[in-house]
Amino acid sequence: MIGRAAGVPVSVLPLAAFHPASTGLDLWLTAIAYGANRVAVLLTDDIAPEYRTALATQMETARQILAGMGYAGTHFTLIEAGDAGTLDATLNGWQPNALTLPPASFNPSTLKRETLEFALDHLWRHAPQPAEAIPLAAGAPFGALEIDRTSCTLCMACVGACPAQALRDNAERPVLGFIERSCVQCGLCAATCPEDAITLVPRLVPGEVARQQQTLNETRPFHCIRCAKPFGTAQMIEAMLGKLAGHAAFSGKAADRLKMCPDCRVVDMIERNDDPSILH
């Protein structure tokens, strides 16, 4: 009838959300894995610009992921509709995507990241053209790290800063390990690194490869000059000596304490009857 909207198409399933920004990659990709042809988020006029930007950024990441797996078409849409007529025209103007993957059977987890992992695994397993690595834009919650091995001293400050435990140390030897699938690309490791040796590489590597620990850097340990016990690394000791070269507390023979393990530093200080403050 003229002047009336055609109504919501039978193929569109409206779902209420607490807030548009309460949805994200985990929900959108899971919906596609379960059999949805397209996911659309309706924005209203009162949505703050920051939320709009965040939603647009996440949707671009979702598009890059599906495109990198070979899924053709438009699978994610932000709808800007200020009136019923515009919304009606938008919903009724969509063309279906040619999706042939079987519906997923996994149970969503209460943890968003875990649900997202299930969806990614299903989508990659049935992907038309699965890529070995999918480049993503900066800010994506997946990625790798590049380490400048000439600058990295293996001080492990990055390991302590990583909230996702993607970076791992080794109690037996100086090795910096990394599990790519755990990395959320927060950048705390790069910000914490005293040598500026870390670069974020946003990308998605599907499958088991990204779950396996890889070695980003390793070296031989430095041995205490007094007891020969291994501690630290040669790069770390050399960097420390360079930075403290002009410090009065570490001049002359006192600089040798930097080459000693913690136990031998105490013994050396007592033998020389030095001021304990130089240990700090």
Protein backbone atom coordinates (compact mmCIF):
# COMPACT_ATOMS: atom_id res chain seq x y z
CA MET A 1 0.00 0.00 0.00
CA ILE A 2 1.25 3.49 -0.85
CA GLY A 3 2.69 5.34 2.13
CA ARG A 4 3.15 2.24 4.23
CA ALA A 5 6.33 0.34 4.94
CA ALA A 6 6.68 -3.15 3.57
CA GLY A 7 7.61 -4.37 7.05
CA VAL A 8 10.44 -6.53 8.31
CA PRO A 9 11.28 -9.21 5.73
CA VAL A 10 10.59 -12.77 6.79
CA SER A 11 14.30 -13.54 6.52
CA VAL A 12 15.23 -10.85 9.08
CA LEU A 13 15.26 -11.85 12.76
CA PRO A 14 15.20 -8.74 15.02
CA LEU A 15 17.00 -9.13 18.33
CA ALA A 16 17.02 -6.60 21.14
CA ALA A 17 20.36 -5.60 22.70
CA PHE A 18 21.11 -3.66 25.87
CA HIS A 19 23.24 -1.32 23.75
CA PRO A 20 24.63 -1.61 20.22
CA ALA A 21 28.18 -1.45 21.62
CA SER A 22 27.44 -4.45 23.88
CA THR A 23 27.72 -6.57 20.73
CA GLY A 24 31.01 -7.38 19.07
CA LEU A 25 33.17 -9.83 17.14
CA ASP A 26 32.24 -12.81 19.29
CA LEU A 27 28.49 -12.37 18.73
CA TRP A 28 28.70 -11.37 15.05
CA LEU A 29 31.04 -14.16 13.93
CA THR A 30 29.18 -16.73 16.02
CA ALA A 31 25.94 -15.71 14.30
CA ILE A 32 27.54 -16.28 10.89
CA ALA A 33 28.94 -19.62 12.07
CA TYR A 34 25.46 -20.68 13.23
CA GLY A 35 23.99 -19.92 9.81
CA ALA A 36 23.10 -16.22 9.70
CA ASN A 37 23.56 -14.73 6.23
CA ARG A 38 24.27 -11.21 7.48
CA VAL A 39 24.58 -9.38 10.79
CA ALA A 40 23.33 -5.81 11.06
CA VAL A 41 23.47 -3.44 14.02
CA LEU A 42 20.89 -0.65 14.12
CA LEU A 43 22.19 2.65 15.42
CA THR A 44 19.97 5.35 16.85
CA ASP A 45 20.59 9.09 17.00
CA ASP A 46 21.62 9.02 20.66
CA ILE A 47 24.60 6.70 20.15
CA ALA A 48 27.80 8.54 21.15
CA PRO A 49 30.43 9.07 18.44
CA GLU A 50 32.95 6.97 20.39
CA TYR A 51 30.62 3.96 20.26
CA ARG A 52 30.00 4.47 16.56
CA THR A 53 33.73 4.53 15.89
CA ALA A 54 34.35 1.42 17.99
CA LEU A 55 31.55 -0.50 16.26
CA ALA A 56 32.75 0.53 12.81
CA THR A 57 36.31 -0.53 13.66
CA GLN A 58 35.20 -3.94 14.93
CA MET A 59 32.98 -4.50 11.91
CA GLU A 60 35.86 -3.73 9.60
CA THR A 61 37.93 -6.34 11.45
CA ALA A 62 35.09 -8.87 11.04
CA ARG A 63 34.91 -8.10 7.31
CA GLN A 64 38.67 -8.53 6.92
CA ILE A 65 38.54 -11.90 8.69
CA LEU A 66 35.80 -13.33 6.47
CA ALA A 67 37.32 -11.84 3.32
CA GLY A 68 40.68 -13.37 4.28
CA MET A 69 39.00 -16.77 4.52
CA GLY A 70 37.46 -16.39 1.07
CA TYR A 71 33.87 -15.61 2.05
CA ALA A 72 32.47 -13.24 -0.59
CA GLY A 73 29.69 -10.75 0.00
CA THR A 74 28.56 -8.25 2.63
CA HIS A 75 28.19 -9.98 5.97
CA PHE A 76 28.27 -7.08 8.45
CA THR A 77 26.38 -3.80 8.31
CA LEU A 78 25.83 -0.78 10.53
CA ILE A 79 22.39 0.66 9.84
CA GLU A 80 21.90 4.41 10.14
CA ALA A 81 18.13 4.86 9.89
CA GLY A 82 16.53 7.96 11.29
CA ASP A 83 13.01 6.99 10.27
CA ALA A 84 10.91 3.91 9.52
CA GLY A 85 10.97 4.49 5.77
CA THR A 86 14.78 4.46 5.59
CA LEU A 87 14.95 1.33 7.75
CA ASP A 88 12.32 -0.36 5.61
CA ALA A 89 14.17 0.41 2.38
CA THR A 90 17.46 -0.80 3.84
CA LEU A 91 16.10 -4.14 5.08
CA ASN A 92 14.21 -4.88 1.88
CA GLY A 93 17.13 -3.91 -0.35
CA TRP A 94 19.57 -6.53 0.83
CA GLN A 95 20.85 -9.25 -1.45
CA PRO A 96 21.70 -12.59 0.21
CA ASN A 97 25.29 -13.81 0.38
CA ALA A 98 26.30 -17.13 -1.13
CA LEU A 99 27.18 -18.90 2.11
CA THR A 100 27.46 -22.68 1.98
CA LEU A 101 29.09 -23.55 5.32
CA PRO A 102 27.16 -25.92 7.58
CA PRO A 103 25.73 -24.46 10.81
CA ALA A 104 28.07 -24.73 13.77
CA SER A 105 27.23 -27.04 16.68
CA PHE A 106 29.49 -25.66 19.42
CA ASN A 107 28.04 -24.29 22.65
CA PRO A 108 28.88 -20.63 23.34
CA SER A 109 31.06 -20.05 26.37
CA THR A 110 30.51 -17.47 29.09
CA LEU A 111 33.96 -16.18 28.06
CA LYS A 112 33.73 -14.02 24.95
CA ARG A 113 37.23 -14.83 23.74
CA GLU A 114 36.57 -18.56 23.98
CA THR A 115 33.31 -18.26 22.03
CA LEU A 116 35.14 -16.21 19.42
CA GLU A 117 37.76 -18.96 19.13
CA PHE A 118 35.04 -21.56 18.49
CA ALA A 119 33.47 -19.40 15.78
CA LEU A 120 36.81 -18.69 14.08
CA ASP A 121 37.73 -22.37 14.05
CA HIS A 122 34.39 -23.30 12.44
CA LEU A 123 34.57 -20.54 9.85
CA TRP A 124 38.17 -21.38 8.95
CA ARG A 125 37.48 -25.12 8.79
CA HIS A 126 34.79 -24.56 6.12
CA ALA A 127 36.36 -21.53 4.45
CA PRO A 128 36.29 -21.38 0.62
CA GLN A 129 39.91 -20.14 0.45
CA PRO A 130 41.54 -20.24 3.89
CA ALA A 131 44.62 -18.02 4.09
CA GLU A 132 47.64 -18.96 6.18
CA ALA A 133 47.65 -15.47 7.70
CA ILE A 134 45.06 -12.71 7.38
CA PRO A 135 46.43 -9.14 7.66
CA LEU A 136 44.29 -6.95 9.90
CA ALA A 137 44.12 -3.23 10.59
CA ALA A 138 45.78 -1.72 13.65
CA GLY A 139 43.65 -2.13 16.74
CA ALA A 140 42.43 -5.63 15.86
CA PRO A 141 42.47 -8.00 18.87
CA PHE A 142 44.62 -10.61 17.10
CA GLY A 143 48.22 -10.52 16.02
CA ALA A 144 51.87 -11.35 16.36
CA LEU A 145 54.93 -9.55 17.69
CA GLU A 146 58.20 -8.71 15.98
CA ILE A 147 61.28 -8.55 18.20
CA ASP A 148 64.42 -6.62 17.35
CA ARG A 149 66.87 -9.22 18.60
CA THR A 150 69.81 -6.83 18.45
CA SER A 151 68.06 -4.53 20.94
CA CYS A 152 66.20 -7.06 23.09
CA THR A 153 68.09 -7.91 26.27
CA LEU A 154 65.62 -10.59 27.37
CA CYS A 155 64.92 -8.65 30.55
CA MET A 156 61.40 -10.17 30.46
CA ALA A 157 59.68 -6.91 31.40
CA CYS A 158 57.23 -7.64 28.58
CA VAL A 159 56.32 -10.99 30.13
CA GLY A 160 55.32 -9.33 33.39
CA ALA A 161 53.29 -6.69 31.54
CA CYS A 162 51.30 -9.09 29.32
CA PRO A 163 47.74 -9.41 30.71
CA ALA A 164 46.86 -12.32 28.42
CA GLN A 165 49.92 -14.49 29.19
CA ALA A 166 50.75 -14.54 25.50
CA LEU A 167 54.41 -13.90 26.35
CA ARG A 168 56.22 -16.59 28.33
CA ASP A 169 59.63 -16.85 29.95
CA ASN A 170 61.61 -19.98 30.76
CA ALA A 171 62.90 -20.82 34.22
CA GLU A 172 65.79 -22.86 32.82
CA ARG A 173 67.25 -20.55 30.18
CA PRO A 174 66.83 -17.06 28.65
CA VAL A 175 64.02 -17.69 26.15
CA LEU A 176 61.12 -15.41 25.24
CA GLY A 177 58.16 -17.53 24.14
CA PHE A 178 54.95 -16.35 22.51
CA ILE A 179 51.50 -17.85 21.90
CA GLU A 180 49.94 -15.82 19.11
CA ARG A 181 46.32 -16.82 19.62
CA SER A 182 46.45 -15.46 23.20
CA CYS A 183 47.71 -12.04 22.11
CA VAL A 184 45.09 -9.25 22.16
CA GLN A 185 47.45 -6.62 20.69
CA CYS A 186 46.97 -4.34 23.70
CA GLY A 187 50.46 -2.90 23.25
CA LEU A 188 51.47 -3.06 26.92
CA CYS A 189 54.52 -5.16 26.07
CA ALA A 190 55.75 -2.58 23.54
CA ALA A 191 55.09 0.28 25.97
CA THR A 192 56.92 -1.53 28.78
CA CYS A 193 59.98 -2.64 26.80
CA PRO A 194 62.93 -0.45 27.91
CA GLU A 195 64.72 -1.04 24.61
CA ASP A 196 61.75 -0.30 22.28
CA ALA A 197 62.39 -3.69 20.70
CA ILE A 198 58.77 -4.81 20.22
CA THR A 199 56.50 -4.10 17.25
CA LEU A 200 52.85 -5.17 17.02
CA VAL A 201 51.78 -7.07 13.89
CA PRO A 202 47.96 -7.21 13.66
CA ARG A 203 46.89 -10.36 11.83
CA LEU A 204 44.94 -13.59 12.27
CA VAL A 205 46.56 -16.99 11.89
CA PRO A 206 43.75 -19.60 12.00
CA GLY A 207 44.08 -23.15 13.22
CA GLU A 208 46.45 -24.86 15.63
CA VAL A 209 49.58 -23.05 14.47
CA ALA A 210 48.66 -19.92 16.43
CA ARG A 211 48.11 -21.97 19.60
CA GLN A 212 51.61 -23.41 19.60
CA GLN A 213 54.34 -21.59 21.50
CA GLN A 214 57.01 -20.05 19.31
CA THR A 215 60.35 -18.55 20.29
CA LEU A 216 60.72 -14.82 19.69
CA ASN A 217 64.21 -14.51 21.12
CA GLU A 218 66.76 -16.57 23.00
CA THR A 219 70.40 -16.41 23.95
CA ARG A 220 72.94 -18.00 26.23
CA PRO A 221 72.79 -16.97 29.88
CA PHE A 222 75.45 -14.77 31.46
CA HIS A 223 77.50 -16.58 34.10
CA CYS A 224 78.39 -15.01 37.42
CA ILE A 225 82.08 -14.03 37.41
CA ARG A 226 82.43 -15.28 40.99
CA CYS A 227 80.53 -18.61 41.19
CA ALA A 228 79.83 -19.23 37.49
CA LYS A 229 76.10 -19.66 38.14
CA PRO A 230 74.02 -18.60 35.12
CA PHE A 231 71.84 -15.53 35.57
CA GLY A 232 70.51 -12.89 33.18
CA THR A 233 71.88 -12.52 29.67
CA ALA A 234 74.99 -11.01 28.17
CA GLN A 235 72.90 -8.33 26.42
CA MET A 236 71.20 -7.36 29.68
CA ILE A 237 74.47 -7.13 31.62
CA GLU A 238 76.13 -5.09 28.89
CA ALA A 239 73.16 -2.74 28.71
CA MET A 240 73.18 -2.33 32.48
CA LEU A 241 76.92 -1.60 32.53
CA GLY A 242 76.48 0.99 29.80
CA LYS A 243 73.64 2.78 31.56
CA LEU A 244 75.35 2.79 34.97
CA ALA A 245 78.86 3.59 33.73
CA GLY A 246 78.73 7.13 35.11
CA HIS A 247 77.10 6.23 38.43
CA ALA A 248 79.38 6.80 41.44
CA ALA A 249 78.11 3.69 43.23
CA PHE A 250 79.22 1.47 40.37
CA SER A 251 82.68 2.82 39.61
CA GLY A 252 85.87 0.82 39.75
CA LYS A 253 85.66 -2.68 41.22
CA ALA A 254 82.08 -2.06 42.37
CA ALA A 255 81.03 -2.41 38.73
CA ASP A 256 81.99 -6.07 38.95
CA ARG A 257 78.98 -6.65 41.21
CA LEU A 258 76.77 -6.13 38.20
CA LYS A 259 78.41 -9.22 36.76
CA MET A 260 77.64 -11.27 39.84
CA CYS A 261 74.53 -13.19 40.80
CA PRO A 262 72.49 -11.73 43.70
CA ASP A 263 74.05 -14.08 46.27
CA CYS A 264 77.61 -13.28 45.27
CA ARG A 265 76.90 -9.54 45.36
CA VAL A 266 76.00 -9.84 49.04
CA VAL A 267 79.09 -11.93 49.81
CA ASP A 268 81.33 -9.49 47.95
CA MET A 269 79.83 -6.53 49.76
CA ILE A 270 80.41 -8.14 53.18
CA GLU A 271 83.99 -9.10 52.31
CA ARG A 272 84.75 -5.55 51.23
CA ASN A 273 82.76 -4.06 54.15
CA ASP A 274 81.00 -1.74 51.73
CA ASP A 275 77.92 0.38 52.27
CA PRO A 276 74.83 -1.83 51.67
CA SER A 277 73.16 0.98 49.76
CA ILE A 278 75.18 0.11 46.66
CA LEU A 279 73.17 -3.10 46.34
CA HIS A 280 70.08 -1.14 45.39
